Amino acid sequence: MALLGDVFGNLGGAVLIGIGAALVAPLLLPAAGAILRPVVKGVIKGGFHLADTLQEVLAEGSEQLSDLMAEVQAERAASVAATLRTTEQ
């Protein structure tokens, strides 16, 4: 029986802490929300800025790659045409 008393004795402190937290939480959560809201908004704004910047960088890279591919295709076509002209003669 002493063992059972020790278990419930330890739970009593935990129960009191839980009840105290439940009573204090409604007072602290609005204050924490008022403090955290601007921080969270700043993080979200930063995420949007990062996404916009990344989109611009990827668009520029895509455009440069497309230009490079067109340049290589033009050089290849010119090379094939030159080869055909030399073999026809």
Protein backbone atom coordinates (compact mmCIF):
# COMPACT_ATOMS: atom_id res chain seq x y z
CA MET A 1 0.00 0.00 0.00
CA ALA A 2 2.86 2.35 0.66
CA LEU A 3 3.91 2.02 -2.96
CA LEU A 4 0.45 3.07 -4.14
CA GLY A 5 0.59 6.08 -1.82
CA ASP A 6 3.95 7.12 -3.22
CA VAL A 7 2.59 7.03 -6.79
CA PHE A 8 -0.46 9.10 -5.95
CA GLY A 9 1.64 11.43 -3.79
CA ASN A 10 3.85 12.24 -6.79
CA LEU A 11 0.83 12.68 -9.03
CA GLY A 12 -0.65 15.20 -6.61
CA GLY A 13 2.11 17.70 -7.37
CA ALA A 14 1.74 17.16 -11.10
CA VAL A 15 -2.02 17.63 -10.85
CA LEU A 16 -1.56 20.89 -8.98
CA ILE A 17 0.92 22.13 -11.59
CA GLY A 18 -1.52 21.17 -14.35
CA ILE A 19 -4.40 22.99 -12.67
CA GLY A 20 -2.21 26.06 -12.13
CA ALA A 21 -1.14 26.05 -15.79
CA ALA A 22 -4.76 25.74 -16.89
CA LEU A 23 -5.70 28.75 -14.75
CA VAL A 24 -2.79 30.92 -15.88
CA ALA A 25 -2.84 29.97 -19.61
CA PRO A 26 -5.82 32.16 -20.57
CA LEU A 27 -3.99 35.14 -19.08
CA LEU A 28 -0.66 34.46 -20.77
CA LEU A 29 -1.78 33.27 -24.22
CA PRO A 30 -3.28 36.60 -25.41
CA ALA A 31 -0.13 38.42 -24.29
CA ALA A 32 2.05 35.85 -26.06
CA GLY A 33 -0.15 36.16 -29.14
CA ALA A 34 0.23 39.94 -29.15
CA ILE A 35 4.00 39.57 -28.96
CA LEU A 36 4.34 36.72 -31.45
CA ARG A 37 1.92 38.06 -34.09
CA PRO A 38 4.32 40.72 -35.47
CA VAL A 39 7.16 38.20 -35.43
CA VAL A 40 5.12 35.65 -37.37
CA LYS A 41 3.99 38.32 -39.84
CA GLY A 42 7.63 39.30 -40.38
CA VAL A 43 8.58 35.68 -41.04
CA ILE A 44 5.73 35.32 -43.54
CA LYS A 45 6.73 38.56 -45.30
CA GLY A 46 10.30 37.32 -45.47
CA GLY A 47 9.10 34.05 -46.97
CA PHE A 48 7.14 35.92 -49.63
CA HIS A 49 10.17 38.09 -50.42
CA LEU A 50 12.37 35.00 -50.66
CA ALA A 51 9.86 33.28 -52.97
CA ASP A 52 9.66 36.35 -55.23
CA THR A 53 13.45 36.65 -55.39
CA LEU A 54 13.82 32.95 -56.13
CA GLN A 55 11.22 33.18 -58.88
CA GLU A 56 13.09 36.09 -60.50
CA VAL A 57 16.42 34.24 -60.30
CA LEU A 58 14.93 31.09 -61.83
CA ALA A 59 13.25 33.09 -64.61
CA GLU A 60 16.56 34.79 -65.46
CA GLY A 61 18.39 31.46 -65.44
CA SER A 62 15.73 29.89 -67.63
CA GLU A 63 15.98 32.76 -70.10
CA GLN A 64 19.78 32.48 -70.25
CA LEU A 65 19.56 28.72 -70.77
CA SER A 66 17.01 29.19 -73.53
CA ASP A 67 19.26 31.76 -75.24
CA LEU A 68 22.22 29.40 -74.96
CA MET A 69 20.25 26.53 -76.47
CA ALA A 70 19.13 28.71 -79.38
CA GLU A 71 22.72 29.82 -79.96
CA VAL A 72 23.98 26.22 -79.98
CA GLN A 73 21.20 25.16 -82.37
CA ALA A 74 22.08 28.02 -84.74
CA GLU A 75 25.78 27.12 -84.64
CA ARG A 76 24.94 23.45 -85.23
CA ALA A 77 22.71 24.29 -88.18
CA ALA A 78 25.44 26.50 -89.66
CA SER A 79 27.99 23.73 -89.16
CA VAL A 80 25.75 21.14 -90.84
CA ALA A 81 25.07 23.53 -93.72
CA ALA A 82 28.79 24.19 -94.18
CA THR A 83 29.50 20.46 -94.13
CA LEU A 84 26.83 19.83 -96.73
CA ARG A 85 28.22 22.57 -98.97
CA THR A 86 31.76 21.16 -98.82
CA THR A 87 30.60 17.61 -99.52
CA GLU A 88 28.48 18.72 -102.51
CA GLN A 89 31.45 20.29 -104.26
